[in-house]
Protein backbone atom coordinates (compact mmCIF):
# COMPACT_ATOMS: atom_id res chain seq x y z
CA MET A 1 83.72 314.11 57.72
CA THR A 2 80.92 316.09 59.30
CA MET A 3 79.44 315.41 62.70
CA ARG A 4 75.84 316.20 63.44
CA LEU A 5 75.19 317.79 66.83
CA ASP A 6 71.99 318.75 68.55
CA ASP A 7 71.08 322.42 68.33
CA PRO A 8 72.58 324.40 71.24
CA VAL A 9 70.22 325.80 73.84
CA SER A 10 69.41 329.49 73.38
CA PRO A 11 70.99 331.83 75.98
CA VAL A 12 67.62 333.23 77.09
CA LYS A 13 66.14 329.79 77.68
CA ALA A 14 69.28 328.63 79.47
CA GLY A 15 69.26 331.73 81.67
CA PHE A 16 65.65 331.27 82.74
CA THR A 17 66.34 327.58 83.43
CA ILE A 18 69.34 328.40 85.64
CA VAL A 19 67.32 330.96 87.59
CA ALA A 20 64.52 328.42 88.07
CA ILE A 21 66.99 325.82 89.33
CA GLY A 22 68.43 328.42 91.74
CA LEU A 23 65.00 329.15 93.18
CA LEU A 24 64.32 325.42 93.47
CA VAL A 25 67.64 324.91 95.29
CA ALA A 26 66.80 327.71 97.75
CA LEU A 27 63.35 326.29 98.40
CA ILE A 28 64.64 322.78 98.97
CA THR A 29 67.43 324.06 101.22
CA LEU A 30 65.05 325.97 103.50
CA SER A 31 62.60 323.09 103.73
CA SER A 32 65.22 320.39 104.29
CA LEU A 33 67.46 321.92 106.95
CA MET A 34 65.37 320.40 109.75
CA LEU A 35 64.65 317.10 107.98
CA VAL A 36 67.92 315.93 106.44
CA ARG A 37 71.38 315.51 107.89
CA PRO A 38 73.86 318.23 106.81
CA VAL A 39 76.13 315.76 105.00
CA LEU A 40 73.34 314.30 102.89
CA LEU A 41 71.93 317.78 102.29
CA GLY A 42 75.32 318.87 101.00
CA PHE A 43 75.39 315.97 98.56
CA GLY A 44 71.87 316.82 97.42
CA LEU A 45 72.73 320.46 96.78
CA GLY A 46 75.87 319.40 94.95
CA ALA A 47 73.80 317.12 92.73
CA LEU A 48 71.49 320.02 91.84
CA VAL A 49 74.49 322.18 90.95
CA LEU A 50 75.72 319.42 88.62
CA LEU A 51 72.49 319.81 86.62
CA ILE A 52 73.45 323.30 85.42
CA PRO A 53 76.42 322.65 83.02
CA PRO A 54 74.50 320.32 80.63
CA LEU A 55 72.04 323.16 79.92
CA VAL A 56 74.68 325.11 78.00
CA MET A 57 76.71 322.26 76.48
CA ARG A 58 76.57 321.02 72.91
CA ASP A 59 77.02 317.39 73.93
CA PRO A 60 75.52 316.99 77.40
CA LYS A 61 75.75 313.20 77.19
CA ALA A 62 79.56 313.47 77.26
CA TYR A 63 79.27 315.42 80.51
CA TRP A 64 77.05 312.78 82.10
CA LEU A 65 79.33 309.98 80.91
CA PHE A 66 82.23 311.81 82.56
CA LEU A 67 80.29 311.88 85.84
CA LEU A 68 79.26 308.24 85.45
CA VAL A 69 82.86 307.03 85.12
CA LEU A 70 84.25 309.41 87.74
CA SER A 71 81.64 308.33 90.31
CA ILE A 72 82.67 304.66 90.23
CA PRO A 73 85.51 304.79 92.82
CA PHE A 74 83.41 306.82 95.27
CA ASP A 75 81.90 303.89 97.12
CA ILE A 76 78.93 305.75 98.63
CA SER A 77 75.78 303.69 98.77
CA LYS A 78 72.35 303.47 100.35
CA ARG A 79 70.82 300.20 101.48
CA THR A 80 67.29 299.66 100.15
CA THR A 81 66.36 296.21 101.42
CA THR A 82 66.66 296.60 105.20
CA TRP A 83 62.86 296.49 105.41
CA ILE A 84 63.04 292.92 104.06
CA VAL A 85 66.00 291.61 106.01
CA GLN A 86 68.76 293.27 108.00
CA PRO A 87 72.18 292.76 106.39
CA TRP A 88 73.78 292.13 109.76
CA ASP A 89 71.32 289.30 110.37
CA LEU A 90 72.48 287.73 107.11
CA TYR A 91 76.08 288.25 108.14
CA ARG A 92 75.50 286.64 111.52
CA ASP A 93 73.65 283.64 110.08
CA PHE A 94 75.60 283.02 106.85
CA GLY A 95 78.89 284.88 107.18
CA MET A 96 80.46 287.35 104.78
CA PRO A 97 79.92 286.46 101.10
CA ALA A 98 82.86 286.75 98.75
CA SER A 99 81.11 289.47 96.76
CA GLY A 100 80.50 291.57 99.86
CA THR A 101 76.83 291.91 98.89
CA LEU A 102 74.56 291.73 101.95
CA SER A 103 71.73 293.85 100.55
CA LEU A 104 70.65 295.58 97.37
CA ASP A 105 72.57 298.87 97.54
CA PHE A 106 72.35 301.86 95.22
CA TYR A 107 75.55 303.80 94.56
CA LEU A 108 76.36 307.22 93.15
CA THR A 109 77.05 305.49 89.86
CA ASP A 110 73.50 304.12 89.79
CA ILE A 111 72.04 307.61 90.21
CA VAL A 112 73.94 308.97 87.20
CA LEU A 113 73.12 305.84 85.20
CA PHE A 114 69.43 306.21 86.03
CA ILE A 115 69.44 309.77 84.63
CA LEU A 116 71.11 308.59 81.44
CA LEU A 117 68.75 305.62 81.07
CA ILE A 118 65.65 307.80 81.38
CA SER A 119 66.90 310.13 78.65
CA TRP A 120 67.82 307.20 76.41
CA LEU A 121 64.49 305.44 76.87
CA VAL A 122 62.65 308.63 75.96
CA ARG A 123 64.69 308.94 72.76
CA LEU A 124 64.01 305.29 71.95
CA CYS A 125 60.28 305.79 72.42
CA LEU A 126 60.41 308.84 70.14
CA ARG A 127 62.47 306.84 67.61
CA ARG A 128 65.28 309.34 67.76
CA ASP A 129 67.75 306.55 68.65
CA THR A 130 68.14 302.99 67.47
CA PHE A 131 68.59 300.02 69.78
CA TYR A 132 71.52 297.67 69.31
CA PHE A 133 71.85 294.40 71.20
CA PRO A 134 75.22 292.69 70.63
CA SER A 135 75.07 288.98 69.95
CA VAL A 136 77.65 288.30 72.66
CA ALA A 137 75.17 289.59 75.24
CA TYR A 138 72.98 286.52 74.72
CA ILE A 139 75.66 284.47 76.46
CA TYR A 140 75.29 286.55 79.58
CA LEU A 141 71.51 286.33 79.41
CA LEU A 142 71.89 282.54 79.51
CA TYR A 143 74.19 282.95 82.50
CA LEU A 144 71.63 285.09 84.32
CA ALA A 145 68.89 282.56 83.61
CA TRP A 146 71.06 279.69 84.82
CA THR A 147 72.13 281.44 88.04
CA LEU A 148 68.55 282.43 88.85
CA ILE A 149 67.29 278.86 88.47
CA ILE A 150 70.04 277.19 90.48
CA SER A 151 69.91 279.91 93.14
CA LEU A 152 66.22 279.32 93.68
CA LEU A 153 66.84 275.56 93.91
CA GLN A 154 70.18 275.32 95.71
CA SER A 155 70.79 278.44 97.79
CA HIS A 156 70.92 278.32 101.56
CA SER A 157 70.09 282.03 101.56
CA ILE A 158 67.74 283.17 98.81
CA TYR A 159 68.20 286.77 99.94
CA LEU A 160 71.94 286.74 99.28
CA SER A 161 71.41 285.18 95.86
CA ILE A 162 68.67 287.57 94.75
CA PHE A 163 70.58 290.63 95.95
CA GLU A 164 73.69 289.65 94.01
CA TRP A 165 71.67 288.58 90.95
CA SER A 166 69.93 291.98 90.88
CA ARG A 167 73.27 293.78 91.14
CA GLN A 168 74.69 291.79 88.23
CA PHE A 169 71.60 292.55 86.18
CA LEU A 170 72.12 296.27 86.82
CA TYR A 171 75.70 295.97 85.58
CA PHE A 172 74.41 294.26 82.46
CA VAL A 173 71.96 297.13 81.85
CA ALA A 174 74.86 299.59 82.16
CA PHE A 175 76.77 297.49 79.59
CA ILE A 176 73.90 297.70 77.11
CA TYR A 177 73.64 301.46 77.61
CA LEU A 178 77.34 302.03 76.97
CA VAL A 179 77.30 299.89 73.84
CA ASN A 180 74.46 301.98 72.38
CA ASN A 181 75.37 305.48 73.54
CA VAL A 182 79.15 305.98 73.45
CA VAL A 183 79.57 307.00 69.82
CA THR A 184 81.13 310.45 69.43
CA ARG A 185 84.64 311.82 69.88
CA SER A 186 83.62 314.03 72.78
CA GLN A 187 82.03 311.07 74.60
CA PHE A 188 85.09 308.84 74.28
CA ARG A 189 87.36 311.70 75.33
CA ALA A 190 85.15 312.47 78.33
CA ILE A 191 85.39 308.85 79.49
CA VAL A 192 89.17 308.75 79.10
CA LEU A 193 89.47 312.07 80.95
CA ALA A 194 87.29 310.69 83.77
CA LEU A 195 89.50 307.60 84.02
CA PHE A 196 92.67 309.68 84.25
CA THR A 197 91.06 312.06 86.75
CA GLY A 198 89.91 309.16 88.90
CA LEU A 199 93.40 307.64 88.76
CA GLY A 200 94.93 310.90 89.95
CA ILE A 201 92.47 311.29 92.83
CA ALA A 202 92.77 307.65 93.90
CA SER A 203 96.57 307.70 93.76
CA ALA A 204 96.76 310.93 95.77
CA THR A 205 94.49 309.60 98.52
CA VAL A 206 96.35 306.28 98.75
CA ILE A 207 99.69 308.07 99.06
CA ALA A 208 98.25 310.58 101.56
CA TYR A 209 96.71 307.86 103.74
CA PHE A 210 100.00 305.96 103.65
CA SER A 211 101.98 309.06 104.67
CA LEU A 212 99.53 309.89 107.47
CA GLU A 213 99.54 306.25 108.64
CA VAL A 214 95.79 305.95 108.34
CA GLY A 215 95.07 302.25 108.70
CA THR A 216 92.94 300.00 106.55
CA GLU A 217 90.24 299.96 109.21
CA SER A 218 89.41 303.58 108.29
CA PHE A 219 86.96 304.39 105.53
CA ALA A 220 86.58 307.90 104.19
CA PHE A 221 82.81 307.65 103.60
CA SER A 222 81.83 305.58 106.64
CA GLY A 223 80.36 308.60 108.42
CA LEU A 224 77.70 308.99 105.74
CA TYR A 225 75.78 305.93 106.89
CA ARG A 226 73.30 305.82 109.72
CA GLU A 227 74.24 302.21 110.40
CA HIS A 228 77.96 303.05 110.77
CA ALA A 229 77.92 302.39 114.50
CA GLU A 230 76.18 299.09 113.95
CA THR A 231 78.65 298.23 111.20
CA SER A 232 81.63 298.80 113.46
CA LYS A 233 80.06 296.75 116.22
CA SER A 234 79.03 293.89 113.96
CA SER A 235 82.26 293.69 112.00
CA GLN A 236 84.56 293.90 115.00
CA GLY A 237 87.02 291.06 114.84
CA THR A 238 86.11 290.13 111.25
CA LEU A 239 89.21 289.12 109.34
CA TYR A 240 89.71 288.37 105.69
CA VAL A 241 92.34 285.87 104.67
CA SER A 242 94.66 288.73 103.71
CA GLY A 243 94.75 289.63 107.38
CA LYS A 244 94.78 292.92 109.18
CA ASP A 245 97.92 294.93 109.29
CA GLY A 246 98.28 294.52 112.99
CA ALA A 247 99.38 290.91 112.60
CA ASP A 248 102.67 291.66 110.86
CA GLU A 249 102.77 295.45 111.09
CA THR A 250 102.85 295.83 107.32
CA LYS A 251 101.63 299.22 106.25
CA ARG A 252 98.85 299.07 103.67
CA SER A 253 96.94 302.02 102.35
CA ALA A 254 93.39 301.88 101.03
CA GLY A 255 92.87 305.57 100.29
CA PHE A 256 89.16 306.34 100.21
CA PHE A 257 88.38 302.75 99.18
CA THR A 258 86.97 300.17 101.59
CA HIS A 259 89.98 297.86 101.30
CA PRO A 260 93.54 298.06 99.87
CA ALA A 261 92.65 295.34 97.35
CA HIS A 262 89.87 297.52 95.93
CA ALA A 263 92.27 300.44 95.55
CA ALA A 264 94.77 298.14 93.82
CA TYR A 265 92.13 296.84 91.43
CA TYR A 266 91.08 300.37 90.48
CA LEU A 267 94.67 301.52 89.88
CA GLU A 268 95.37 298.37 87.92
CA TYR A 269 92.39 298.96 85.62
CA ILE A 270 93.57 302.40 84.52
CA LEU A 271 97.37 302.13 84.52
CA THR A 272 97.29 299.87 81.45
CA ILE A 273 95.35 302.52 79.53
CA VAL A 274 97.82 305.20 80.67
CA LEU A 275 100.68 303.07 79.36
CA ALA A 276 98.90 302.53 76.03
CA TYR A 277 98.48 306.29 75.54
CA LEU A 278 102.07 306.88 76.70
CA VAL A 279 103.70 304.59 74.13
CA MET A 280 101.57 306.03 71.33
CA PRO A 281 103.27 308.91 69.48
CA GLY A 282 102.08 312.26 70.81
CA ARG A 283 103.05 315.71 71.98
CA PRO A 284 105.86 316.04 74.58
CA ARG A 285 103.51 317.82 76.98
CA ASP A 286 101.04 314.93 76.88
CA ARG A 287 103.83 312.42 77.33
CA PHE A 288 105.08 314.26 80.41
CA VAL A 289 101.61 314.31 82.00
CA LEU A 290 101.01 310.64 81.21
CA GLY A 291 104.44 309.67 82.50
CA ALA A 292 103.87 311.53 85.77
CA LEU A 293 100.44 309.93 86.13
CA LEU A 294 101.95 306.49 85.52
CA MET A 295 104.64 306.99 88.16
CA ILE A 296 102.16 308.26 90.76
CA GLY A 297 99.81 305.36 90.05
CA LEU A 298 102.62 302.79 90.39
CA ALA A 299 103.72 304.34 93.68
CA ALA A 300 100.16 304.18 95.00
CA LEU A 301 99.81 300.56 93.88
CA TYR A 302 102.99 299.70 95.79
CA MET A 303 101.56 301.27 98.96
CA THR A 304 98.43 299.10 98.80
CA PHE A 305 100.67 296.05 99.22
CA ALA A 306 98.41 294.00 96.96
CA ARG A 307 100.87 291.54 95.48
CA SER A 308 98.38 289.82 93.18
CA ALA A 309 97.65 293.19 91.60
CA VAL A 310 101.37 293.87 91.07
CA VAL A 311 101.85 290.54 89.31
CA GLY A 312 98.71 291.10 87.27
CA LEU A 313 99.79 294.59 86.24
CA PHE A 314 103.17 293.26 85.15
CA CYS A 315 101.41 290.81 82.81
CA GLY A 316 99.08 293.58 81.64
CA PHE A 317 102.01 295.83 80.74
CA VAL A 318 103.62 293.04 78.73
CA VAL A 319 100.36 292.53 76.82
CA VAL A 320 99.93 296.27 76.17
CA ILE A 321 103.42 296.63 74.70
CA GLY A 322 103.01 293.47 72.62
CA ILE A 323 99.60 294.20 71.08
CA SER A 324 100.54 297.85 70.54
CA ARG A 325 102.98 296.62 67.93
CA TRP A 326 100.72 293.82 66.68
CA SER A 327 97.86 296.27 66.06
CA ALA A 328 100.21 298.68 64.21
CA MET A 329 99.60 301.39 66.80
CA ILE A 330 103.36 301.93 67.15
CA SER A 331 106.24 301.37 64.77
CA ARG A 332 108.89 298.70 65.11
CA GLU A 333 111.43 301.26 66.33
CA VAL A 334 109.07 302.53 69.04
CA PHE A 335 108.29 298.98 70.07
CA THR A 336 112.01 298.19 70.41
CA ARG A 337 112.58 301.26 72.57
CA CYS A 338 109.56 300.47 74.77
CA ALA A 339 110.64 296.87 75.23
CA LEU A 340 114.17 297.99 76.12
CA VAL A 341 112.96 300.57 78.66
CA PHE A 342 110.58 298.05 80.20
CA ALA A 343 113.33 295.43 80.50
CA VAL A 344 115.70 297.94 82.12
CA CYS A 345 113.01 299.02 84.62
CA VAL A 346 112.29 295.40 85.52
CA ALA A 347 116.00 294.65 85.98
CA ILE A 348 116.51 297.67 88.22
CA GLY A 349 113.40 297.02 90.29
CA ALA A 350 113.83 293.24 90.51
CA PRO A 351 115.39 293.21 94.03
CA LEU A 352 112.65 295.44 95.39
CA LEU A 353 109.98 293.38 93.62
CA ILE A 354 111.34 290.10 95.01
CA HIS A 355 111.39 291.49 98.54
CA TYR A 356 107.88 292.88 97.99
CA LEU A 357 106.50 289.52 96.90
CA ALA A 358 108.36 287.48 99.53
CA ASN A 359 107.17 289.59 102.46
CA ARG A 360 104.16 288.43 104.52
CA PRO A 361 104.31 284.70 103.60
CA ASP A 362 101.51 283.71 105.99
CA PRO A 363 98.67 284.99 103.77
CA ILE A 364 100.12 283.09 100.82
CA THR A 365 100.19 279.87 102.84
CA LYS A 366 96.64 280.47 104.00
CA ARG A 367 95.50 281.03 100.40
CA LEU A 368 96.94 277.66 99.37
CA GLU A 369 95.11 275.95 102.23
CA LEU A 370 91.84 277.61 101.19
CA ILE A 371 92.33 276.43 97.61
CA GLU A 372 92.32 272.82 98.83
CA ILE A 373 89.17 273.47 100.84
CA ALA A 374 87.54 275.13 97.81
CA LEU A 375 88.33 272.18 95.56
CA ASP A 376 86.72 269.80 98.04
CA THR A 377 83.65 272.05 98.14
CA ILE A 378 83.43 272.15 94.34
CA TRP A 379 83.40 268.34 94.04
CA LYS A 380 80.29 268.17 96.20
CA ARG A 381 78.29 270.19 93.61
CA PRO A 382 80.39 270.24 90.42
CA VAL A 383 77.60 270.98 87.94
CA VAL A 384 74.97 273.18 89.59
CA GLY A 385 76.92 274.79 92.41
CA ALA A 386 75.65 276.06 95.74
CA GLY A 387 73.81 279.13 94.52
CA LEU A 388 74.91 282.65 93.66
CA ASN A 389 76.62 284.52 96.52
CA ASN A 390 76.52 281.43 98.75
CA SER A 391 80.16 280.27 98.55
CA SER A 392 81.07 281.24 102.12
CA ILE A 393 78.05 279.36 103.50
CA VAL A 394 79.06 275.98 102.08
CA THR A 395 82.82 276.35 102.54
CA GLU A 396 84.03 274.31 105.48
CA GLY A 397 85.85 276.33 108.12
CA ALA A 398 84.82 279.70 106.68
CA GLU A 399 84.15 280.97 110.21
CA SER A 400 85.79 280.36 113.55
CA ILE A 401 86.10 281.93 116.98
CA VAL A 402 89.58 282.77 118.25
CA THR A 403 90.80 284.25 121.50
CA THR A 404 93.10 287.26 121.26
CA SER A 405 94.41 289.90 123.63
CA GLN A 406 91.23 291.86 122.93
CA GLY A 407 88.95 288.94 123.74
CA ARG A 408 86.99 286.47 121.62
CA GLU A 409 86.83 287.43 117.97
CA ARG A 410 84.95 286.00 115.02
CA VAL A 411 87.30 285.17 112.16
CA VAL A 412 85.81 285.07 108.66
CA THR A 413 87.89 283.63 105.84
CA VAL A 414 87.00 284.22 102.20
CA ILE A 415 88.46 282.17 99.39
CA HIS A 416 90.83 284.45 97.54
CA ASN A 417 90.41 283.00 94.07
CA HIS A 418 87.62 284.35 91.90
CA TYR A 419 87.55 281.32 89.60
CA LEU A 420 87.05 278.87 92.45
CA ILE A 421 84.33 281.09 93.94
CA VAL A 422 82.42 281.07 90.64
CA LEU A 423 82.73 277.29 90.41
CA ILE A 424 81.44 276.85 93.97
CA GLU A 425 78.45 279.16 93.40
CA VAL A 426 77.24 278.40 89.87
CA GLY A 427 78.98 275.17 88.92
CA ILE A 428 80.77 274.27 85.71
CA VAL A 429 77.89 275.39 83.47
CA GLY A 430 77.68 278.83 85.01
CA PHE A 431 81.48 279.09 85.04
CA LEU A 432 81.68 278.44 81.29
CA LEU A 433 78.88 280.88 80.48
CA TYR A 434 80.27 283.67 82.68
CA PHE A 435 83.84 283.56 81.42
CA ALA A 436 82.82 282.79 77.83
CA PHE A 437 81.09 286.17 77.76
CA PHE A 438 84.18 288.11 78.81
CA TRP A 439 86.45 285.95 76.68
CA GLN A 440 84.30 286.84 73.66
CA ILE A 441 84.62 290.53 74.58
CA VAL A 442 88.42 290.22 74.45
CA GLY A 443 88.19 288.24 71.20
CA ILE A 444 86.02 290.89 69.56
CA ALA A 445 88.44 293.60 70.67
CA LEU A 446 91.41 291.74 69.18
CA ARG A 447 89.61 291.10 65.88
CA HIS A 448 88.75 294.79 65.44
CA MET A 449 91.94 296.28 66.86
CA ARG A 450 93.79 296.66 63.56
CA VAL A 451 90.97 298.64 61.91
CA THR A 452 89.98 300.73 64.92
CA ALA A 453 90.21 304.51 64.62
CA PRO A 454 93.75 305.65 65.53
CA GLU A 455 92.56 307.87 68.38
CA LEU A 456 90.57 304.98 69.89
CA LYS A 457 93.21 302.29 69.43
CA PRO A 458 95.13 303.06 72.66
CA LEU A 459 91.87 302.85 74.61
CA LEU A 460 91.11 299.42 73.14
CA VAL A 461 94.69 298.23 73.68
CA GLY A 462 94.57 299.40 77.29
CA ILE A 463 91.23 297.66 77.89
CA VAL A 464 92.58 294.33 76.65
CA GLY A 465 95.68 294.78 78.79
CA ALA A 466 93.53 295.60 81.82
CA MET A 467 91.37 292.51 81.35
CA VAL A 468 94.48 290.30 81.16
CA SER A 469 95.85 292.01 84.26
CA ILE A 470 92.60 291.50 86.19
CA ALA A 471 92.41 287.87 85.05
CA VAL A 472 95.83 287.21 86.61
CA ASN A 473 94.97 289.20 89.75
CA ASN A 474 91.81 287.16 90.27
CA LEU A 475 93.95 284.09 90.93
CA GLY A 476 94.70 285.61 94.33
CA GLU A 477 91.69 287.81 95.09
CA PRO A 478 87.91 287.19 95.45
CA PHE A 479 87.02 290.05 93.06
CA GLY A 480 84.27 291.42 95.30
CA GLY A 481 83.00 294.95 95.66
CA HIS A 482 81.13 297.50 93.57
CA VAL A 483 84.22 299.34 92.32
CA VAL A 484 85.95 296.36 90.75
CA GLN A 485 82.76 294.95 89.22
CA ALA A 486 81.59 298.29 87.81
CA MET A 487 84.97 298.91 86.17
CA LEU A 488 84.89 295.48 84.50
CA TRP A 489 81.47 296.17 82.97
CA LEU A 490 82.53 299.67 81.96
CA TYR A 491 85.45 298.23 80.02
CA ALA A 492 83.29 295.52 78.46
CA GLY A 493 80.84 298.15 77.20
CA LEU A 494 83.62 300.44 75.96
CA ALA A 495 85.27 297.56 74.09
CA ILE A 496 82.11 296.81 72.10
CA ALA A 497 81.34 300.52 71.59
CA THR A 498 84.86 301.08 70.26
CA CYS A 499 84.68 298.12 67.90
CA ARG A 500 81.42 299.46 66.44
CA GLN A 501 83.28 302.48 65.05
CA LYS A 502 84.33 302.02 61.43
CA ASP A 503 87.97 302.42 60.46
CA SER A 504 89.04 306.04 61.01
CA THR A 505 85.60 307.63 61.41
CA LEU A 506 83.46 308.25 64.45
CA ARG A 507 79.76 308.48 63.83
CA SER A 508 77.35 310.77 65.60
CA PRO A 509 74.25 309.33 67.26
CA PRO A 510 71.30 309.14 64.88
CA PHE A 511 68.91 312.04 65.30
CA ALA A 512 65.34 311.52 64.11
CA PRO A 513 66.31 309.03 61.36
CA THR A 514 62.76 308.54 60.12
CA ARG A 515 62.07 312.23 59.83
CA ARG A 516 65.41 312.88 58.16
CA ARG A 517 64.81 310.18 55.57
CA LYS A 518 61.43 311.69 54.73
CA THR A 519 62.98 315.13 54.34
CA GLU A 520 65.73 313.76 52.12
CA SER A 521 63.18 311.97 49.93
CA VAL A 522 61.16 315.17 49.53
CA VAL A 523 64.26 317.13 48.59
CA LYS A 524 65.32 314.47 46.09
CA GLY A 525 61.81 314.36 44.65
CA SER A 526 61.68 318.12 44.16
CA THR A 527 65.14 318.10 42.59
CA ASN A 528 64.19 315.36 40.13
CA SER A 529 60.98 317.22 39.23
CA GLY A 530 62.94 320.37 38.54
CA SER A 531 65.37 318.46 36.36
CA ARG A 532 62.56 316.92 34.32
CA ALA A 533 60.93 320.33 33.90
CA ARG A 534 64.17 321.84 32.61
CA SER A 535 64.63 318.92 30.24
CA SER A 536 61.13 319.28 28.79
CA ALA A 537 61.65 323.01 28.40
């Protein structure tokens, strides 16, 4: 098998380009010192430095995909709709939505995605790439149309609905890009490497924050925002149903994430893929690294004290081991050993797991009470719902004022069940369309798993295991936040991109197909003419 790659950039051209970028960086630095804050200026200079490596790489798209995936857990954003409505005004009038979306924010991930989209659109216009739209995506288009219509008709806050609808549309665009552009070995490997790197960084920060006793009220990137002071003032006394750690003195670590549940979701997404690569036959050195990464990730997940995530990950691990054998990724002997080791680990850790799940019973009781309230809310609008991102507005008792030792505080409760939230917001029709899309993604992955390329099979197995794990976790969490949503759409796009690969081959992206066909026809024509001439001679 041969793989076609774009011609590498000449050293002279690359050198002149690097020098030009250096001069541009110096000019921007001198002109921006008095206009931009040092922190933002540092991020800007770092972004310019990141533009240099692709100039000398054979597959620059793999580099950008690495940055795209690695940027997901870094929850740094910029609000762009404050000129329309202040997010804290929406919070004061309508409470905290389950998604956490109070404005249309742009994240680091969106910046990298925008760069990739521009390059891809140029190649499409030049007919150097072909466009593929999976049939399963039409289901989500119907969902977007439905949610837009009912949000315009039913929402108490149109702003909240439009902001969340726009964010979901951006995720869908990222899904389409991944389906069309992740096609080569280097690109898949770059994504897997970014996932493992992100897992290592996230686990290290969660463990470090836990050791340093940095509470969940701290946020590593909060100082980057101009509205940080206003955020702290506005959100003072705001409680989610999970409760703050001060109530029962349970230590929970969030790392550099905004909440321990977000850290748990992110770890949960990647640990299933680590397990899939670990059980697959490989070199001892790789097994040692994967085993160490798995242990560190499990320790970090324990320190988040997110019990729904622990239960979900347990189910995900069971699925990974089961479908690894079903897809013929591992032999029967390896499957038996893996099942035995897993059973022994569960038996040894059962006492600790039971104590872990039984601790802090108050949040569990509160979740059950909120489920009853959510069911009553659903029956009021069972078909059309209350509008996207409006679940907290129509839920009875979502806000209350309590008196504590620190004074009067505003308590905000969010329903910790993603399925009930979707039913409240978009009704039964939207619920069926939304989950039918992701169910079809899992179905497509299972149908293609047996014939997937061997080096991609653990990735596909891990993705299916992660989706099962997240589905179980969502029974006890609202599934809000950019990190958890972006990872879901990343996995959906990777699942379809992986299934598009045929058997044991990985294709390269088409490069000027029309021009190449013309060249081939000319060569064939000249060859046939030469053959006829020799025959006549």
